[in-house]
Protein backbone atom coordinates (compact mmCIF):
# COMPACT_ATOMS: atom_id res chain seq x y z
CA MET A 1 98.26 10.87 -50.53
CA SER A 2 101.84 11.09 -51.77
CA LYS A 3 104.37 8.70 -50.18
CA THR A 4 107.23 10.97 -51.15
CA VAL A 5 109.14 12.53 -48.23
CA LEU A 6 109.87 16.32 -48.62
CA ILE A 7 113.24 16.91 -46.94
CA SER A 8 113.19 19.78 -44.42
CA SER A 9 116.80 19.83 -43.15
CA THR A 10 120.13 18.09 -43.32
CA SER A 11 119.38 16.17 -40.13
CA HIS A 12 116.04 15.08 -41.57
CA PHE A 13 117.80 13.69 -44.66
CA ASN A 14 120.43 11.87 -42.60
CA GLN A 15 117.70 10.37 -40.41
CA LEU A 16 115.87 9.13 -43.53
CA LEU A 17 119.07 7.55 -44.91
CA GLY A 18 119.45 5.68 -41.64
CA SER A 19 115.92 4.44 -41.45
CA SER A 20 115.40 3.03 -44.93
CA LYS A 21 117.58 0.43 -46.67
CA ILE A 22 117.20 2.29 -50.03
CA VAL A 23 116.46 5.95 -50.54
CA VAL A 24 115.72 7.54 -53.94
CA ALA A 25 116.31 11.31 -53.78
CA ASP A 26 115.04 13.84 -56.36
CA PHE A 27 117.15 17.00 -56.29
CA TYR A 28 115.07 19.75 -57.86
CA ALA A 29 114.25 23.50 -57.87
CA ASP A 30 110.92 25.21 -58.35
CA TRP A 31 112.30 27.26 -61.24
CA CYS A 32 113.50 24.15 -63.15
CA ALA A 33 111.11 23.27 -65.99
CA PRO A 34 112.50 19.72 -66.67
CA CYS A 35 112.14 19.08 -62.90
CA LYS A 36 108.45 19.93 -63.12
CA ALA A 37 108.04 17.82 -66.30
CA ILE A 38 109.37 14.63 -64.78
CA SER A 39 107.86 15.12 -61.34
CA PRO A 40 104.55 13.27 -62.09
CA ILE A 41 106.58 10.19 -63.24
CA TYR A 42 108.66 10.34 -60.07
CA GLU A 43 105.49 10.53 -57.95
CA GLN A 44 104.04 7.52 -59.86
CA LEU A 45 107.12 5.52 -59.16
CA SER A 46 106.98 6.52 -55.48
CA ALA A 47 103.31 5.44 -55.23
CA GLN A 48 104.06 2.10 -56.88
CA LEU A 49 107.39 1.12 -55.32
CA SER A 50 107.65 2.76 -51.85
CA ARG A 51 108.04 0.06 -49.15
CA PRO A 52 108.29 0.85 -45.44
CA GLN A 53 111.96 0.70 -44.27
CA LYS A 54 112.98 -0.77 -47.57
CA ILE A 55 112.50 1.87 -50.31
CA THR A 56 111.72 5.51 -49.63
CA PHE A 57 111.38 8.30 -52.14
CA ALA A 58 112.41 11.80 -51.15
CA LYS A 59 112.51 15.28 -52.70
CA VAL A 60 115.28 17.75 -51.96
CA ASP A 61 114.69 21.39 -52.85
CA THR A 62 118.24 22.55 -53.77
CA GLU A 63 117.30 26.23 -53.13
CA ARG A 64 116.32 25.52 -49.53
CA GLN A 65 118.70 22.61 -48.82
CA LYS A 66 121.90 23.93 -50.32
CA GLU A 67 124.09 22.07 -47.82
CA ILE A 68 122.74 18.73 -48.88
CA ALA A 69 123.13 19.53 -52.56
CA GLN A 70 126.67 20.68 -52.02
CA THR A 71 127.57 17.64 -49.95
CA TYR A 72 126.63 15.29 -52.76
CA GLY A 73 128.02 17.38 -55.53
CA VAL A 74 124.70 18.16 -57.25
CA SER A 75 125.51 20.51 -60.13
CA THR A 76 122.71 19.77 -62.66
CA LEU A 77 118.94 19.61 -62.34
CA PRO A 78 117.15 17.40 -61.98
CA THR A 79 119.50 14.91 -60.39
CA PHE A 80 118.21 11.58 -58.98
CA MET A 81 120.48 9.78 -56.55
CA ILE A 82 120.17 6.24 -55.19
CA PHE A 83 121.36 5.59 -51.64
CA LYS A 84 121.81 1.99 -50.34
CA GLU A 85 122.45 1.56 -46.65
CA GLN A 86 123.36 5.28 -46.45
CA LEU A 87 125.82 5.14 -49.38
CA ALA A 88 125.32 6.90 -52.65
CA VAL A 89 125.56 4.13 -55.30
CA SER A 90 124.00 5.49 -58.50
CA THR A 91 122.99 8.74 -60.12
CA VAL A 92 120.78 9.77 -63.01
CA THR A 93 120.98 13.36 -64.24
CA GLY A 94 118.38 15.04 -66.54
CA ALA A 95 114.67 14.48 -67.14
CA ASP A 96 114.94 11.02 -68.67
CA PRO A 97 111.83 9.12 -67.69
CA ARG A 98 113.01 5.79 -69.15
CA LYS A 99 116.41 5.86 -67.51
CA LEU A 100 114.89 6.89 -64.14
CA SER A 101 112.20 4.24 -64.32
CA ASP A 102 114.59 1.46 -65.26
CA MET A 103 117.04 2.35 -62.51
CA VAL A 104 114.38 2.50 -59.79
CA LYS A 105 112.61 -0.72 -60.88
CA ARG A 106 115.84 -2.60 -60.93
CA LEU A 107 116.46 -1.30 -57.49
CA ALA A 108 113.04 -2.46 -56.31
CA ALA A 109 113.75 -5.91 -57.64
CA GLU A 110 117.01 -5.96 -55.62
CA ALA A 111 115.15 -4.98 -52.43
CA ASP A 112 112.63 -7.80 -52.96
CA SER A 113 115.42 -10.35 -53.36
CA ASP A 114 117.27 -8.78 -50.39
CA VAL A 115 120.47 -8.71 -52.40
CA SER A 116 123.31 -7.15 -50.35
CA SER A 117 126.77 -8.34 -51.29
CA GLY A 118 128.72 -5.20 -52.06
CA PHE A 119 128.73 -1.45 -52.49
CA GLY A 120 126.67 -0.56 -55.60
CA GLU A 121 126.63 -4.17 -56.87
CA ALA A 122 125.52 -4.42 -60.47
CA SER A 123 125.31 -8.08 -61.21
CA LYS A 124 121.63 -8.41 -60.35
CA SER A 125 120.37 -4.86 -59.85
CA GLY A 126 122.09 -3.12 -62.85
CA LEU A 127 123.79 -0.59 -60.49
CA THR A 128 127.41 0.17 -60.70
CA TRP A 129 129.70 -1.84 -58.47
CA LEU A 130 132.10 0.54 -56.75
CA GLY A 131 134.17 -1.65 -54.60
CA ASN A 132 134.19 0.87 -51.75
CA LYS A 133 132.13 3.77 -50.46
CA LEU A 134 132.29 7.15 -52.23
CA PRO A 135 133.97 10.03 -50.51
CA LYS A 136 131.49 12.75 -49.51
CA GLY A 137 130.78 15.33 -52.17
CA TYR A 138 132.21 13.22 -55.07
CA GLU A 139 130.71 10.80 -57.54
CA ASP A 140 131.74 7.91 -59.75
CA VAL A 141 132.80 9.48 -63.02
CA THR A 142 134.03 6.30 -64.72
CA ASP A 143 131.34 6.74 -67.39
CA GLN A 144 133.54 9.55 -68.74
CA VAL A 145 136.25 7.08 -69.81
CA ASP A 146 136.62 7.06 -73.52
CA VAL A 147 136.89 3.22 -73.91
CA ARG A 148 137.73 3.47 -77.63
CA GLY A 149 140.98 5.20 -76.82
CA LEU A 150 142.22 2.90 -74.04
CA ASP A 151 145.67 1.41 -74.48
CA LEU A 152 147.27 -1.29 -72.35
CA LEU A 153 150.83 -2.48 -72.54
CA ASN A 154 152.32 -5.80 -71.38
CA ALA A 155 148.95 -7.47 -70.76
CA ASP A 156 148.34 -11.21 -71.10
CA SER A 157 146.28 -11.50 -74.27
CA SER A 158 144.58 -14.70 -73.09
CA LEU A 159 142.73 -12.70 -70.43
CA GLY A 160 140.54 -9.63 -70.57
CA ASN A 161 141.38 -6.37 -72.30
CA ALA A 162 141.48 -2.88 -70.91
CA ARG A 163 137.71 -2.45 -71.26
CA VAL A 164 136.90 -5.08 -68.65
CA LEU A 165 138.52 -2.85 -65.97
CA PHE A 166 135.65 -0.37 -66.37
CA ASP A 167 132.85 -2.88 -66.42
CA VAL A 168 130.02 -1.72 -64.13
CA ALA A 169 129.32 -5.22 -62.92
CA LYS A 170 130.71 -6.85 -59.80
CA PRO A 171 133.87 -8.91 -60.62
CA SER A 172 132.82 -12.44 -61.59
CA THR A 173 135.18 -14.13 -59.21
CA LEU A 174 134.28 -12.10 -56.11
CA GLY A 175 132.49 -14.28 -53.58
CA ILE A 176 133.40 -17.60 -55.15
CA GLY A 177 137.01 -17.76 -54.03
CA LYS A 178 138.75 -14.50 -54.70
CA GLY A 179 140.75 -14.56 -57.86
CA LYS A 180 139.82 -18.13 -58.71
CA GLU A 181 140.12 -18.60 -62.43
CA VAL A 182 136.51 -19.08 -63.57
CA SER A 183 135.04 -17.77 -66.78
CA ARG A 184 132.44 -15.07 -66.67
CA LYS A 185 128.86 -16.50 -66.80
CA GLY A 186 130.29 -19.87 -67.84
CA GLY A 187 131.86 -18.39 -71.02
CA SER A 188 135.38 -18.05 -72.14
CA GLU A 189 135.89 -14.36 -71.27
CA LYS A 190 137.94 -13.46 -68.21
CA ASP A 191 136.93 -10.12 -66.68
CA TRP A 192 140.30 -9.13 -65.34
CA ILE A 193 143.76 -8.40 -66.62
CA GLU A 194 147.21 -9.66 -65.70
CA SER A 195 150.68 -8.56 -66.80
CA ASP A 196 152.50 -10.74 -69.25
CA THR A 197 156.29 -10.88 -69.40
CA ASP A 198 156.95 -9.25 -66.02
CA GLU A 199 155.00 -7.51 -63.22
CA GLN A 200 154.65 -4.15 -65.00
CA LEU A 201 151.56 -2.73 -66.62
CA MET A 202 150.98 0.55 -68.43
CA LEU A 203 147.39 1.75 -68.89
CA TYR A 204 146.33 4.94 -70.86
CA ILE A 205 142.86 6.26 -69.90
CA PRO A 206 141.42 9.15 -72.02
CA PHE A 207 138.30 10.95 -70.89
CA GLN A 208 135.35 12.30 -72.82
CA SER A 209 135.43 15.60 -70.81
CA THR A 210 137.82 17.18 -68.42
CA LEU A 211 137.52 15.85 -64.83
CA LYS A 212 138.61 16.63 -61.30
CA VAL A 213 139.88 13.25 -60.06
CA HIS A 214 139.74 12.73 -56.31
CA THR A 215 140.21 9.01 -55.79
CA LEU A 216 140.76 5.74 -57.65
CA HIS A 217 139.11 2.54 -56.54
CA LEU A 218 141.40 -0.28 -57.62
CA THR A 219 140.24 -3.92 -57.28
CA SER A 220 142.62 -6.90 -57.37
CA LEU A 221 141.25 -10.30 -56.33
CA LEU A 222 143.78 -12.90 -55.18
CA PRO A 223 143.19 -16.68 -54.68
CA ASN A 224 142.24 -17.26 -51.07
CA ASP A 225 143.32 -20.91 -51.07
CA THR A 226 146.83 -20.41 -52.33
CA ASP A 227 150.14 -19.19 -50.92
CA GLU A 228 150.30 -15.52 -51.97
CA GLN A 229 154.11 -15.65 -52.06
CA ALA A 230 154.21 -18.50 -54.67
CA ASP A 231 155.90 -17.46 -57.89
CA ASP A 232 152.96 -18.54 -60.04
CA VAL A 233 150.35 -16.61 -58.14
CA PRO A 234 149.37 -13.11 -59.47
CA MET A 235 150.12 -10.21 -57.14
CA ARG A 236 148.35 -7.08 -56.18
CA PRO A 237 149.87 -3.76 -57.49
CA ARG A 238 152.26 -2.10 -54.98
CA THR A 239 153.93 0.84 -56.64
CA LEU A 240 151.82 3.12 -58.88
CA GLN A 241 153.00 6.08 -60.94
CA LEU A 242 150.33 8.45 -62.28
CA TYR A 243 150.86 10.84 -65.18
CA THR A 244 148.25 13.40 -66.32
CA ASN A 245 147.10 14.90 -69.63
CA ARG A 246 149.30 12.79 -71.90
CA ALA A 247 148.30 12.52 -75.59
CA HIS A 248 149.06 8.79 -75.69
CA VAL A 249 150.33 5.82 -73.66
CA LEU A 250 153.88 6.03 -72.37
CA GLY A 251 156.47 3.41 -73.16
CA PHE A 252 158.11 1.79 -70.15
CA GLU A 253 161.49 3.41 -70.87
CA GLU A 254 159.84 6.66 -71.87
CA ALA A 255 158.17 6.86 -68.43
CA GLU A 256 161.50 7.12 -66.75
CA ASP A 257 162.05 10.53 -68.41
CA VAL A 258 158.51 11.97 -67.88
CA PRO A 259 157.70 13.87 -64.66
CA VAL A 260 155.33 11.86 -62.39
CA THR A 261 152.19 13.60 -61.10
CA GLN A 262 151.97 11.35 -58.11
CA SER A 263 153.79 8.27 -56.87
CA ILE A 264 151.92 5.91 -54.59
CA THR A 265 153.09 2.85 -52.66
CA LEU A 266 150.24 0.62 -51.46
CA GLN A 267 150.49 -1.37 -48.29
CA ARG A 268 148.81 -4.74 -47.59
CA GLN A 269 146.59 -3.23 -44.87
CA ASP A 270 145.22 -0.68 -47.40
CA TRP A 271 143.24 -3.40 -49.23
CA ASP A 272 139.63 -4.24 -48.14
CA GLU A 273 139.63 -7.97 -47.95
CA ASN A 274 135.87 -8.30 -48.51
CA SER A 275 135.93 -6.43 -51.87
CA GLY A 276 139.58 -6.78 -52.82
CA THR A 277 139.57 -3.00 -53.38
CA VAL A 278 141.93 -0.22 -52.30
CA LYS A 279 141.04 3.49 -52.23
CA VAL A 280 143.90 5.39 -53.85
CA GLU A 281 143.52 8.97 -52.54
CA LEU A 282 145.11 11.50 -54.82
CA ARG A 283 146.57 14.96 -54.17
CA PHE A 284 143.41 16.59 -55.42
CA VAL A 285 145.06 19.89 -56.31
CA LYS A 286 147.30 18.04 -58.86
CA PHE A 287 144.34 16.37 -60.60
CA GLN A 288 142.25 19.30 -61.77
CA ASN A 289 141.10 19.61 -65.45
CA ILE A 290 142.22 16.14 -66.35
CA SER A 291 141.72 14.99 -69.92
CA SER A 292 143.69 11.69 -69.54
CA LEU A 293 145.49 9.50 -67.04
CA VAL A 294 148.39 7.05 -67.47
CA LEU A 295 148.58 4.45 -64.70
CA PHE A 296 151.91 2.74 -64.47
CA VAL A 297 152.03 -0.30 -62.18
CA GLU A 298 155.77 -0.45 -61.51
CA ASP A 299 155.75 -3.59 -59.32
CA GLY A 300 153.57 -5.94 -57.34
CA ASP A 301 153.36 -6.97 -53.74
CA GLY A 302 155.00 -10.42 -53.59
CA ASN A 303 157.54 -12.70 -55.24
CA GLY A 304 155.66 -13.42 -58.45
CA ASP A 305 156.09 -11.95 -61.88
CA ARG A 306 152.41 -11.19 -62.70
CA VAL A 307 150.20 -8.38 -61.45
CA ARG A 308 146.35 -8.67 -61.58
CA ILE A 309 143.69 -5.96 -61.76
CA ASP A 310 139.94 -6.63 -61.83
CA ARG A 311 138.32 -3.24 -61.70
CA LEU A 312 139.20 0.50 -61.79
CA ARG A 313 136.68 3.16 -60.84
CA ILE A 314 137.37 6.91 -61.23
CA ILE A 315 135.95 9.10 -58.45
CA GLY A 316 135.72 12.91 -58.67
CA GLU A 317 133.71 15.61 -60.46
CA LYS A 318 132.64 16.04 -64.06
CA GLY A 319 134.14 19.32 -65.35
CA SER A 320 134.24 22.49 -63.37
CA LYS A 321 131.92 22.68 -60.38
CA ARG A 322 129.19 25.26 -60.89
CA GLU A 323 127.86 27.66 -58.35
CA LEU A 324 124.58 26.29 -56.86
CA GLY A 325 122.78 29.41 -58.01
CA LYS A 326 123.75 28.55 -61.59
CA LEU A 327 122.57 24.99 -61.76
CA GLU A 328 122.26 23.69 -65.24
CA LYS A 329 118.89 22.43 -66.47
CA ILE A 330 119.00 19.23 -68.52
CA GLY A 331 116.13 18.05 -70.62
CA ASP A 332 114.43 21.22 -71.82
CA GLN A 333 112.45 20.66 -74.98
CA ALA A 334 111.80 23.27 -77.60
CA GLY A 335 109.02 25.47 -76.39
CA ASP A 336 109.40 24.74 -72.69
């Protein structure tokens, strides 16, 4: 007998999310050939890895449960979503058996070791660390960052480069004294950035496809055993200026003459002290069809002259959202 739960309603799905630590959900449709092709593999994983109240496998028919599909922004089939303690922490789209199997087996290993130290932690499970919960209906789209085109101005070259900001792993200093200067995995690499000659940073972020950007998750870990007002202690960002669809990074003087898409002032109470992360909610109507972002950290919160950033996650939608009746199939092979 199959251990997979067929979702019958929105309330049924919400009840399942509340009763199992981890839920793996298969969003499918009867007309979707790739969904049918990968279904036996999904059922095999369900039979092997289902554990009462720990890991539950579910199937969501997007034709019958349109409200659930719309809530979680499902726009391609099949889509597999991982929920941990009722939060969506990872997604696999398309009929890719290896990717699905790897993701679920890593998750099962996490459940066995009872790892629970952050939203979507990746250090042991391979899942993306998000720093904070996702807003309903949106997903982590940081994988669309074109890391080859990143540009970062006024960064301390002795620390990490721009790419470390988009690392899927939990920041290496989280949980061992926030912001304490330890090398990642005992090596020489530092997985965060700090400003160099003053508190300002200018980061250019190009994307591989146009996005709708809803929220930024910005992580900045400070030492928890040091006076935050000391001059030699790095600060968290305070004033942010965001520019959209630029062809290249802006110079600091050039930014003064370019219209700002949104200006944001962060308050101390905005930061989650457990994860060192702030949710930067954007004026969504201004962040449609975005091909690049420029993030200008104008100043920091404190008396120092250095600003520190550990992680940056981009939350939103990939491309234009499709009507549910026109869901895209991924994974068709010739002759299907």
